């Protein structure tokens, strides 16, 4: 019995790895092609980044064993749920589905499943209040403490693109803007989302600097 359980765990891990590997290779290939053609900049040319997979979820039914959450889908939900940590909620949903095989959905039903999860999270009060922004202080007023790891010029760029405060604070930490180049130190999930928005905002992306 123990050996069968270990085999199942290994099979699940391999399936999850395979989904992300294939999707990310396809996305990176699209990015390389866009770069070679000189068409990487512009909102109409972000398909390579959008197709990168952030995480995957176990599903039932014939065909695929995992449903992939892409950068494009995460970005859309982050804008629809500005006061909710969408990535954290998706991780919770993934863990819950892993622990409850009988409650898993088909691949086609996963978007609706996660939207319902996000709606419940919002209605349950897990959504945070909108983050406070720094305000000018009157003469003689004590200085208020406000810390953000997002530089002012990067924040201004994001503000012009219409990004909400949570998206900016969550994905653009320690980024640096130098003319038309945005330097993104995080190559992980936050970095992928930042790259998506940077390309739409018309700046060149440099990752890992």
Protein backbone atom coordinates (compact mmCIF):
# COMPACT_ATOMS: atom_id res chain seq x y z
CA UNK A 1 0.00 0.00 0.00
CA UNK A 2 2.79 2.40 0.90
CA UNK A 3 4.53 1.76 -2.41
CA UNK A 4 1.33 2.47 -4.34
CA UNK A 5 0.84 5.73 -2.46
CA UNK A 6 4.41 6.77 -3.22
CA UNK A 7 3.93 5.87 -6.88
CA UNK A 8 0.76 7.99 -7.03
CA UNK A 9 2.51 10.97 -5.43
CA UNK A 10 5.40 10.65 -7.89
CA UNK A 11 2.98 10.36 -10.84
CA UNK A 12 1.11 13.49 -9.69
CA UNK A 13 4.34 15.46 -9.29
CA UNK A 14 5.57 14.37 -12.72
CA UNK A 15 2.23 15.33 -14.30
CA UNK A 16 2.37 18.75 -12.66
CA UNK A 17 5.96 19.27 -13.78
CA UNK A 18 5.13 18.16 -17.34
CA UNK A 19 2.23 20.63 -17.65
CA UNK A 20 4.35 23.57 -16.54
CA UNK A 21 7.39 22.52 -18.56
CA UNK A 22 5.52 22.10 -21.85
CA UNK A 23 3.49 25.28 -21.45
CA UNK A 24 6.49 27.35 -20.40
CA UNK A 25 8.63 26.01 -23.25
CA UNK A 26 5.87 26.98 -25.69
CA UNK A 27 5.61 30.41 -24.11
CA UNK A 28 9.37 30.96 -24.15
CA UNK A 29 9.51 29.84 -27.79
CA UNK A 30 6.86 32.43 -28.65
CA UNK A 31 8.85 35.08 -26.77
CA UNK A 32 12.04 34.15 -28.64
CA UNK A 33 10.21 34.39 -31.96
CA UNK A 34 8.80 37.80 -31.07
CA UNK A 35 12.24 39.03 -30.04
CA UNK A 36 13.78 37.73 -33.28
CA UNK A 37 11.11 39.55 -35.29
CA UNK A 38 11.46 42.73 -33.24
CA UNK A 39 7.80 42.62 -32.22
CA UNK A 40 8.10 42.10 -28.46
CA UNK A 41 6.93 45.57 -27.46
CA UNK A 42 3.28 46.53 -27.68
CA UNK A 43 0.06 45.31 -26.08
CA UNK A 44 -0.77 43.13 -29.09
CA UNK A 45 2.44 41.09 -28.75
CA UNK A 46 2.41 39.63 -25.23
CA UNK A 47 1.18 36.12 -26.02
CA UNK A 48 4.52 34.51 -25.12
CA UNK A 49 4.53 35.96 -21.62
CA UNK A 50 0.80 35.42 -21.14
CA UNK A 51 1.13 31.69 -21.85
CA UNK A 52 3.70 31.07 -19.12
CA UNK A 53 2.28 28.83 -16.39
CA UNK A 54 2.37 29.96 -12.76
CA UNK A 55 0.84 26.87 -11.15
CA UNK A 56 -1.33 23.87 -12.04
CA UNK A 57 -4.32 22.15 -10.47
CA UNK A 58 -5.37 18.47 -10.41
CA UNK A 59 -8.47 17.73 -12.49
CA UNK A 60 -10.74 14.79 -13.28
CA UNK A 61 -12.05 13.42 -16.57
CA UNK A 62 -10.39 12.09 -19.67
CA UNK A 63 -7.42 13.83 -21.22
CA UNK A 64 -5.21 16.16 -19.19
CA UNK A 65 -4.53 15.49 -15.51
CA UNK A 66 -3.64 19.09 -14.61
CA UNK A 67 -5.18 22.47 -15.47
CA UNK A 68 -2.67 25.29 -15.95
CA UNK A 69 -3.07 28.80 -14.50
CA UNK A 70 -1.35 31.21 -16.88
CA UNK A 71 0.03 34.69 -16.38
CA UNK A 72 -2.79 36.11 -18.52
CA UNK A 73 -5.50 34.57 -16.36
CA UNK A 74 -3.86 35.64 -13.09
CA UNK A 75 -3.44 39.21 -14.33
CA UNK A 76 -7.11 39.36 -15.33
CA UNK A 77 -8.25 38.16 -11.91
CA UNK A 78 -5.89 40.50 -10.04
CA UNK A 79 -7.56 43.42 -11.78
CA UNK A 80 -11.05 42.09 -11.05
CA UNK A 81 -10.22 41.48 -7.36
CA UNK A 82 -7.98 44.47 -6.51
CA UNK A 83 -8.08 43.99 -2.72
CA UNK A 84 -7.54 40.23 -2.74
CA UNK A 85 -4.24 38.34 -2.80
CA UNK A 86 -5.24 36.29 -5.84
CA UNK A 87 -2.01 34.27 -6.00
CA UNK A 88 -2.33 33.23 -2.36
CA UNK A 89 -5.98 32.26 -2.81
CA UNK A 90 -5.12 30.17 -5.89
CA UNK A 91 -2.43 28.37 -3.90
CA UNK A 92 -5.00 27.63 -1.17
CA UNK A 93 -7.44 26.33 -3.77
CA UNK A 94 -4.74 24.09 -5.25
CA UNK A 95 -3.87 22.66 -1.83
CA UNK A 96 -7.57 22.05 -1.09
CA UNK A 97 -8.08 20.21 -4.38
CA UNK A 98 -4.97 18.12 -3.80
CA UNK A 99 -6.35 17.09 -0.39
CA UNK A 100 -9.92 16.49 -1.64
CA UNK A 101 -9.83 14.32 -4.79
CA UNK A 102 -13.61 13.81 -4.78
CA UNK A 103 -14.17 17.58 -5.12
CA UNK A 104 -11.93 18.10 -8.13
CA UNK A 105 -13.32 19.60 -11.35
CA UNK A 106 -12.77 18.96 -15.02
CA UNK A 107 -10.24 21.13 -16.81
CA UNK A 108 -13.10 23.03 -18.45
CA UNK A 109 -14.69 23.68 -15.06
CA UNK A 110 -11.57 24.99 -13.32
CA UNK A 111 -11.93 28.71 -14.22
CA UNK A 112 -15.46 28.78 -12.76
CA UNK A 113 -14.26 26.85 -9.70
CA UNK A 114 -11.53 29.40 -8.98
CA UNK A 115 -13.83 32.37 -9.63
CA UNK A 116 -16.24 30.93 -7.05
CA UNK A 117 -13.30 30.48 -4.66
CA UNK A 118 -12.23 34.12 -5.15
CA UNK A 119 -15.80 35.35 -4.67
CA UNK A 120 -16.11 33.42 -1.41
CA UNK A 121 -12.75 34.78 -0.25
CA UNK A 122 -13.94 38.32 -0.96
CA UNK A 123 -17.28 37.83 0.77
CA UNK A 124 -15.66 36.17 3.79
CA UNK A 125 -13.63 39.28 4.55
CA UNK A 126 -10.22 37.93 3.46
CA UNK A 127 -9.96 40.81 1.00
CA UNK A 128 -7.87 43.60 2.50
CA UNK A 129 -8.92 47.21 2.61
CA UNK A 130 -7.38 49.34 -0.15
CA UNK A 131 -3.80 50.20 0.76
CA UNK A 132 -3.24 53.69 2.07
CA UNK A 133 -1.26 56.04 -0.13
CA UNK A 134 1.15 58.65 1.24
CA UNK A 135 -0.34 62.15 1.61
CA UNK A 136 1.25 65.54 1.95
CA UNK A 137 1.54 66.68 5.56
CA UNK A 138 0.64 70.10 6.80
CA UNK A 139 3.30 72.37 8.25
CA UNK A 140 4.26 71.18 11.74
CA UNK A 141 2.45 67.87 11.38
CA UNK A 142 4.51 64.85 12.54
CA UNK A 143 5.93 62.79 9.69
CA UNK A 144 3.86 59.69 9.02
CA UNK A 145 5.60 56.39 8.49
CA UNK A 146 5.01 54.91 5.04
CA UNK A 147 7.23 52.35 3.42
CA UNK A 148 7.02 50.93 -0.07
CA UNK A 149 9.66 48.95 -1.92
CA UNK A 150 8.25 50.20 -5.24
CA UNK A 151 10.17 53.30 -6.45
CA UNK A 152 8.12 56.42 -7.19
CA UNK A 153 8.89 56.44 -10.93
CA UNK A 154 7.89 52.77 -11.27
CA UNK A 155 4.70 53.45 -9.32
CA UNK A 156 3.90 56.44 -11.54
CA UNK A 157 4.36 54.26 -14.64
CA UNK A 158 2.00 51.65 -13.18
CA UNK A 159 -0.52 54.30 -12.15
CA UNK A 160 -0.67 55.62 -15.71
CA UNK A 161 -1.41 52.07 -16.90
CA UNK A 162 -4.33 51.87 -14.47
CA UNK A 163 -2.89 49.14 -12.19
CA UNK A 164 -4.40 48.85 -8.74
CA UNK A 165 -2.31 49.35 -5.61
CA UNK A 166 -2.24 45.66 -4.65
CA UNK A 167 -0.94 44.62 -8.08
CA UNK A 168 1.79 47.26 -7.93
CA UNK A 169 2.94 46.42 -4.39
CA UNK A 170 2.79 42.66 -4.97
CA UNK A 171 4.60 42.46 -8.32
CA UNK A 172 6.90 45.48 -8.70
CA UNK A 173 8.95 45.26 -5.50
CA UNK A 174 12.54 46.45 -5.94
CA UNK A 175 12.01 47.08 -9.67
CA UNK A 176 14.04 49.88 -11.22
CA UNK A 177 13.18 52.13 -14.16
CA UNK A 178 15.98 53.53 -16.31
CA UNK A 179 14.55 55.44 -19.24
CA UNK A 180 12.56 52.90 -21.26
CA UNK A 181 14.07 49.89 -19.48
CA UNK A 182 12.43 48.25 -16.47
CA UNK A 183 14.78 46.10 -14.39
CA UNK A 184 12.92 43.27 -12.62
CA UNK A 185 14.91 41.41 -9.92
CA UNK A 186 12.36 38.62 -9.35
CA UNK A 187 12.29 35.95 -12.11
CA UNK A 188 9.46 34.08 -10.34
CA UNK A 189 5.69 34.54 -10.28
CA UNK A 190 5.77 38.26 -9.43
CA UNK A 191 8.39 38.81 -12.12
CA UNK A 192 6.20 37.11 -14.74
CA UNK A 193 3.27 39.37 -13.90
CA UNK A 194 5.53 42.45 -13.90
CA UNK A 195 6.85 41.43 -17.34
CA UNK A 196 3.31 41.12 -18.67
CA UNK A 197 2.46 44.67 -17.60
CA UNK A 198 5.84 46.12 -18.59
CA UNK A 199 5.42 44.95 -22.18
CA UNK A 200 1.90 46.41 -22.29
CA UNK A 201 3.29 49.70 -20.95
CA UNK A 202 5.82 49.81 -23.78
CA UNK A 203 9.06 49.43 -21.81
CA UNK A 204 11.89 47.00 -22.39
CA UNK A 205 12.19 44.30 -19.71
CA UNK A 206 15.48 43.24 -18.12
CA UNK A 207 15.05 40.34 -15.69
CA UNK A 208 17.39 39.47 -12.85
CA UNK A 209 19.07 42.85 -12.45
